[in-house]
C-alpha atoms as a PDB file:
ATOM      1  CA  MET A   1     -51.168  23.483 -20.953  1.00  0.00           C
ATOM      2  CA  SER A   2     -51.363  21.467 -17.728  1.00  0.00           C
ATOM      3  CA  PHE A   3     -52.735  22.902 -14.504  1.00  0.00           C
ATOM      4  CA  LEU A   4     -49.182  22.890 -13.108  1.00  0.00           C
ATOM      5  CA  ASN A   5     -47.967  24.946 -16.093  1.00  0.00           C
ATOM      6  CA  SER A   6     -50.963  27.262 -15.811  1.00  0.00           C
ATOM      7  CA  ILE A   7     -50.185  28.082 -12.181  1.00  0.00           C
ATOM      8  CA  ALA A   8     -46.470  28.465 -12.957  1.00  0.00           C
ATOM      9  CA  PHE A   9     -47.408  30.885 -15.753  1.00  0.00           C
ATOM     10  CA  ASP A  10     -49.466  32.954 -13.289  1.00  0.00           C
ATOM     11  CA  ILE A  11     -46.554  32.992 -10.835  1.00  0.00           C
ATOM     12  CA  VAL A  12     -44.074  34.232 -13.432  1.00  0.00           C
ATOM     13  CA  LYS A  13     -46.558  36.857 -14.640  1.00  0.00           C
ATOM     14  CA  ASN A  14     -47.410  38.115 -11.128  1.00  0.00           C
ATOM     15  CA  PHE A  15     -43.811  38.097  -9.899  1.00  0.00           C
ATOM     16  CA  THR A  16     -42.722  39.980 -13.023  1.00  0.00           C
ATOM     17  CA  GLU A  17     -45.432  42.609 -12.560  1.00  0.00           C
ATOM     18  CA  LYS A  18     -44.540  43.065  -8.882  1.00  0.00           C
ATOM     19  CA  GLN A  19     -40.785  42.885  -9.568  1.00  0.00           C
ATOM     20  CA  LYS A  20     -40.315  40.127  -6.998  1.00  0.00           C
ATOM     21  CA  THR A  21     -37.965  37.151  -7.048  1.00  0.00           C
ATOM     22  CA  LEU A  22     -38.303  33.512  -6.070  1.00  0.00           C
ATOM     23  CA  SER A  23     -36.074  30.585  -5.090  1.00  0.00           C
ATOM     24  CA  THR A  24     -36.677  26.935  -4.219  1.00  0.00           C
ATOM     25  CA  ALA A  25     -35.251  24.254  -1.944  1.00  0.00           C
ATOM     26  CA  GLU A  26     -36.697  20.871  -2.814  1.00  0.00           C
ATOM     27  CA  SER A  27     -36.359  17.438  -1.340  1.00  0.00           C
ATOM     28  CA  CYS A  28     -39.257  15.125  -2.203  1.00  0.00           C
ATOM     29  CA  THR A  29     -40.199  16.982  -5.392  1.00  0.00           C
ATOM     30  CA  GLY A  30     -36.699  16.569  -6.808  1.00  0.00           C
ATOM     31  CA  GLY A  31     -36.706  19.871  -8.684  1.00  0.00           C
ATOM     32  CA  LEU A  32     -40.219  19.630 -10.143  1.00  0.00           C
ATOM     33  CA  VAL A  33     -41.272  22.979  -8.634  1.00  0.00           C
ATOM     34  CA  ALA A  34     -38.255  24.765 -10.133  1.00  0.00           C
ATOM     35  CA  SER A  35     -38.703  22.922 -13.416  1.00  0.00           C
ATOM     36  CA  SER A  36     -42.355  23.960 -13.646  1.00  0.00           C
ATOM     37  CA  ILE A  37     -41.434  27.606 -13.125  1.00  0.00           C
ATOM     38  CA  THR A  38     -38.531  27.564 -15.575  1.00  0.00           C
ATOM     39  CA  ASP A  39     -40.750  25.976 -18.244  1.00  0.00           C
ATOM     40  CA  ILE A  40     -42.401  29.399 -18.538  1.00  0.00           C
ATOM     41  CA  PRO A  41     -40.881  32.033 -20.860  1.00  0.00           C
ATOM     42  CA  GLY A  42     -39.628  35.005 -18.857  1.00  0.00           C
ATOM     43  CA  ALA A  43     -38.932  32.961 -15.721  1.00  0.00           C
ATOM     44  CA  SER A  44     -35.355  34.236 -15.693  1.00  0.00           C
ATOM     45  CA  LYS A  45     -36.696  37.635 -14.632  1.00  0.00           C
ATOM     46  CA  VAL A  46     -38.087  36.241 -11.379  1.00  0.00           C
ATOM     47  CA  PHE A  47     -36.535  32.846 -10.614  1.00  0.00           C
ATOM     48  CA  LEU A  48     -33.102  33.210  -9.032  1.00  0.00           C
ATOM     49  CA  GLY A  49     -32.380  29.526  -8.541  1.00  0.00           C
ATOM     50  CA  GLY A  50     -33.012  26.442  -6.535  1.00  0.00           C
ATOM     51  CA  VAL A  51     -31.443  23.369  -5.017  1.00  0.00           C
ATOM     52  CA  VAL A  52     -32.456  19.751  -4.702  1.00  0.00           C
ATOM     53  CA  VAL A  53     -31.335  18.550  -1.282  1.00  0.00           C
ATOM     54  CA  TYR A  54     -32.699  15.026  -1.420  1.00  0.00           C
ATOM     55  CA  ALA A  55     -30.212  13.417   0.959  1.00  0.00           C
ATOM     56  CA  THR A  56     -30.236  14.473   4.609  1.00  0.00           C
ATOM     57  CA  GLU A  57     -26.527  15.277   4.460  1.00  0.00           C
ATOM     58  CA  MET A  58     -27.133  17.752   1.620  1.00  0.00           C
ATOM     59  CA  LYS A  59     -29.599  19.661   3.783  1.00  0.00           C
ATOM     60  CA  LYS A  60     -26.730  20.109   6.237  1.00  0.00           C
ATOM     61  CA  GLN A  61     -23.954  20.816   3.729  1.00  0.00           C
ATOM     62  CA  ILE A  62     -25.726  23.026   1.209  1.00  0.00           C
ATOM     63  CA  LEU A  63     -28.457  24.733   3.222  1.00  0.00           C
ATOM     64  CA  LYS A  64     -26.599  24.681   6.564  1.00  0.00           C
ATOM     65  CA  ILE A  65     -29.720  23.498   8.397  1.00  0.00           C
ATOM     66  CA  PRO A  66     -28.921  23.568  12.144  1.00  0.00           C
ATOM     67  CA  ASP A  67     -28.688  20.239  13.972  1.00  0.00           C
ATOM     68  CA  GLU A  68     -31.575  21.151  16.272  1.00  0.00           C
ATOM     69  CA  VAL A  69     -33.986  21.194  13.322  1.00  0.00           C
ATOM     70  CA  PHE A  70     -33.125  17.549  12.601  1.00  0.00           C
ATOM     71  CA  HIS A  71     -34.575  16.615  16.004  1.00  0.00           C
ATOM     72  CA  TYR A  72     -37.999  17.212  14.422  1.00  0.00           C
ATOM     73  CA  GLY A  73     -37.045  14.973  11.507  1.00  0.00           C
ATOM     74  CA  VAL A  74     -36.558  15.660   7.823  1.00  0.00           C
ATOM     75  CA  ILE A  75     -40.292  15.118   7.406  1.00  0.00           C
ATOM     76  CA  SER A  76     -41.533  18.043   9.465  1.00  0.00           C
ATOM     77  CA  GLY A  77     -42.891  21.533   9.175  1.00  0.00           C
ATOM     78  CA  GLU A  78     -39.822  22.780  10.997  1.00  0.00           C
ATOM     79  CA  MET A  79     -37.553  21.288   8.326  1.00  0.00           C
ATOM     80  CA  ALA A  80     -39.607  22.766   5.474  1.00  0.00           C
ATOM     81  CA  GLU A  81     -39.485  26.181   7.129  1.00  0.00           C
ATOM     82  CA  ALA A  82     -35.731  25.966   7.757  1.00  0.00           C
ATOM     83  CA  MET A  83     -35.118  24.936   4.142  1.00  0.00           C
ATOM     84  CA  ALA A  84     -37.211  27.814   2.775  1.00  0.00           C
ATOM     85  CA  LYS A  85     -35.500  30.347   5.039  1.00  0.00           C
ATOM     86  CA  ALA A  86     -32.065  29.018   4.104  1.00  0.00           C
ATOM     87  CA  ILE A  87     -32.543  29.216   0.333  1.00  0.00           C
ATOM     88  CA  LYS A  88     -34.082  32.684   0.653  1.00  0.00           C
ATOM     89  CA  SER A  89     -31.000  33.803   2.570  1.00  0.00           C
ATOM     90  CA  ILE A  90     -28.556  32.150   0.148  1.00  0.00           C
ATOM     91  CA  THR A  91     -30.150  33.603  -2.991  1.00  0.00           C
ATOM     92  CA  GLY A  92     -31.431  36.903  -1.627  1.00  0.00           C
ATOM     93  CA  SER A  93     -34.842  36.237  -3.174  1.00  0.00           C
ATOM     94  CA  ASP A  94     -37.998  37.976  -1.999  1.00  0.00           C
ATOM     95  CA  TYR A  95     -39.913  34.687  -1.691  1.00  0.00           C
ATOM     96  CA  SER A  96     -38.926  31.054  -1.358  1.00  0.00           C
ATOM     97  CA  ILE A  97     -40.555  27.638  -1.493  1.00  0.00           C
ATOM     98  CA  ALA A  98     -39.419  24.404   0.148  1.00  0.00           C
ATOM     99  CA  THR A  99     -40.760  20.857  -0.018  1.00  0.00           C
ATOM    100  CA  THR A 100     -39.943  17.855   2.134  1.00  0.00           C
ATOM    101  CA  GLY A 101     -41.748  14.637   2.914  1.00  0.00           C
ATOM    102  CA  ASN A 102     -42.330  10.974   2.237  1.00  0.00           C
ATOM    103  CA  LEU A 103     -43.700  10.183  -1.223  1.00  0.00           C
ATOM    104  CA  GLY A 104     -43.900   6.470  -0.429  1.00  0.00           C
ATOM    105  CA  PRO A 105     -44.204   3.584  -0.694  1.00  0.00           C
ATOM    106  CA  ASP A 106     -42.743   2.878   2.771  1.00  0.00           C
ATOM    107  CA  THR A 107     -42.821   4.664   6.104  1.00  0.00           C
ATOM    108  CA  MET A 108     -39.839   6.880   6.923  1.00  0.00           C
ATOM    109  CA  GLU A 109     -38.815   8.177  10.352  1.00  0.00           C
ATOM    110  CA  GLY A 110     -41.937   6.379  11.568  1.00  0.00           C
ATOM    111  CA  LYS A 111     -44.037   8.736   9.461  1.00  0.00           C
ATOM    112  CA  PRO A 112     -46.513   7.441   6.894  1.00  0.00           C
ATOM    113  CA  LYS A 113     -46.188   7.637   3.139  1.00  0.00           C
ATOM    114  CA  GLY A 114     -47.854  10.722   1.764  1.00  0.00           C
ATOM    115  CA  LEU A 115     -46.949  12.983   4.704  1.00  0.00           C
ATOM    116  CA  ILE A 116     -45.493  16.110   3.131  1.00  0.00           C
ATOM    117  CA  TYR A 117     -44.649  19.642   4.252  1.00  0.00           C
ATOM    118  CA  VAL A 118     -44.504  22.697   2.014  1.00  0.00           C
ATOM    119  CA  ALA A 119     -43.177  26.035   3.256  1.00  0.00           C
ATOM    120  CA  VAL A 120     -43.288  29.467   1.677  1.00  0.00           C
ATOM    121  CA  VAL A 121     -41.313  32.367   3.108  1.00  0.00           C
ATOM    122  CA  THR A 122     -42.343  35.891   2.108  1.00  0.00           C
ATOM    123  CA  PRO A 123     -40.703  39.187   3.056  1.00  0.00           C
ATOM    124  CA  SER A 124     -42.815  39.252   6.234  1.00  0.00           C
ATOM    125  CA  HIS A 125     -44.355  35.816   6.908  1.00  0.00           C
ATOM    126  CA  VAL A 126     -43.745  32.083   6.941  1.00  0.00           C
ATOM    127  CA  TYR A 127     -46.452  29.696   5.779  1.00  0.00           C
ATOM    128  CA  VAL A 128     -46.220  25.944   6.320  1.00  0.00           C
ATOM    129  CA  LYS A 129     -48.753  23.517   4.931  1.00  0.00           C
ATOM    130  CA  GLU A 130     -49.074  19.843   5.851  1.00  0.00           C
ATOM    131  CA  LEU A 131     -50.314  17.456   3.181  1.00  0.00           C
ATOM    132  CA  LYS A 132     -51.529  13.887   3.634  1.00  0.00           C
ATOM    133  CA  LEU A 133     -51.570  12.303   0.208  1.00  0.00           C
ATOM    134  CA  GLN A 134     -52.825   8.862  -0.771  1.00  0.00           C
ATOM    135  CA  GLY A 135     -51.514   8.424  -4.317  1.00  0.00           C
ATOM    136  CA  ASP A 136     -48.542   6.549  -5.663  1.00  0.00           C
ATOM    137  CA  ARG A 137     -45.063   8.046  -5.599  1.00  0.00           C
ATOM    138  CA  LEU A 138     -45.279   9.870  -8.953  1.00  0.00           C
ATOM    139  CA  SER A 139     -48.782  11.261  -8.457  1.00  0.00           C
ATOM    140  CA  ASN A 140     -47.829  12.403  -4.938  1.00  0.00           C
ATOM    141  CA  LYS A 141     -44.777  14.203  -6.336  1.00  0.00           C
ATOM    142  CA  LYS A 142     -46.889  16.072  -8.887  1.00  0.00           C
ATOM    143  CA  GLU A 143     -49.503  16.907  -6.248  1.00  0.00           C
ATOM    144  CA  VAL A 144     -46.846  18.348  -3.913  1.00  0.00           C
ATOM    145  CA  ALA A 145     -45.447  20.548  -6.696  1.00  0.00           C
ATOM    146  CA  LEU A 146     -48.964  21.729  -7.501  1.00  0.00           C
ATOM    147  CA  GLU A 147     -49.737  22.499  -3.842  1.00  0.00           C
ATOM    148  CA  ALA A 148     -46.431  24.379  -3.480  1.00  0.00           C
ATOM    149  CA  LEU A 149     -47.226  26.563  -6.482  1.00  0.00           C
ATOM    150  CA  LYS A 150     -50.795  27.127  -5.285  1.00  0.00           C
ATOM    151  CA  LEU A 151     -49.474  28.229  -1.887  1.00  0.00           C
ATOM    152  CA  ILE A 152     -47.122  30.803  -3.401  1.00  0.00           C
ATOM    153  CA  VAL A 153     -49.991  32.187  -5.506  1.00  0.00           C
ATOM    154  CA  LYS A 154     -52.170  32.410  -2.399  1.00  0.00           C
ATOM    155  CA  VAL A 155     -49.634  34.393  -0.370  1.00  0.00           C
ATOM    156  CA  LEU A 156     -48.384  36.694  -3.136  1.00  0.00           C
END
């Protein structure tokens, strides 16, 4: 069992015990966070659903992110927070996770490769974490998913 699967297992176990639910809105991780959770037996008791909103337009159409958030850029803490709040509202979950950022190899919006934001929304708080990763695209993607899962464990 990989470390990613191990953390996902703990999330499913803890959410099941506490009777809490979870949803995801992913950009740069392309569904890896949701996939990691749904790899675990019993995930259907806690995971309500998720969306991959990779293209900017999908953030607008599916999540209804307000135009003013785009002034900060799609690679921003504000965007991660707005995505997490939106999917929590859409699904009615107790908790939500969102990821957005630049996996590389090029700069985007004038922001360097490896600049990532992860947001977790709980029933009473919002947590946003900035990551500055140095790996290649695939290793960065896995690291972001891992950090997102670690953050949800930390705040549960």
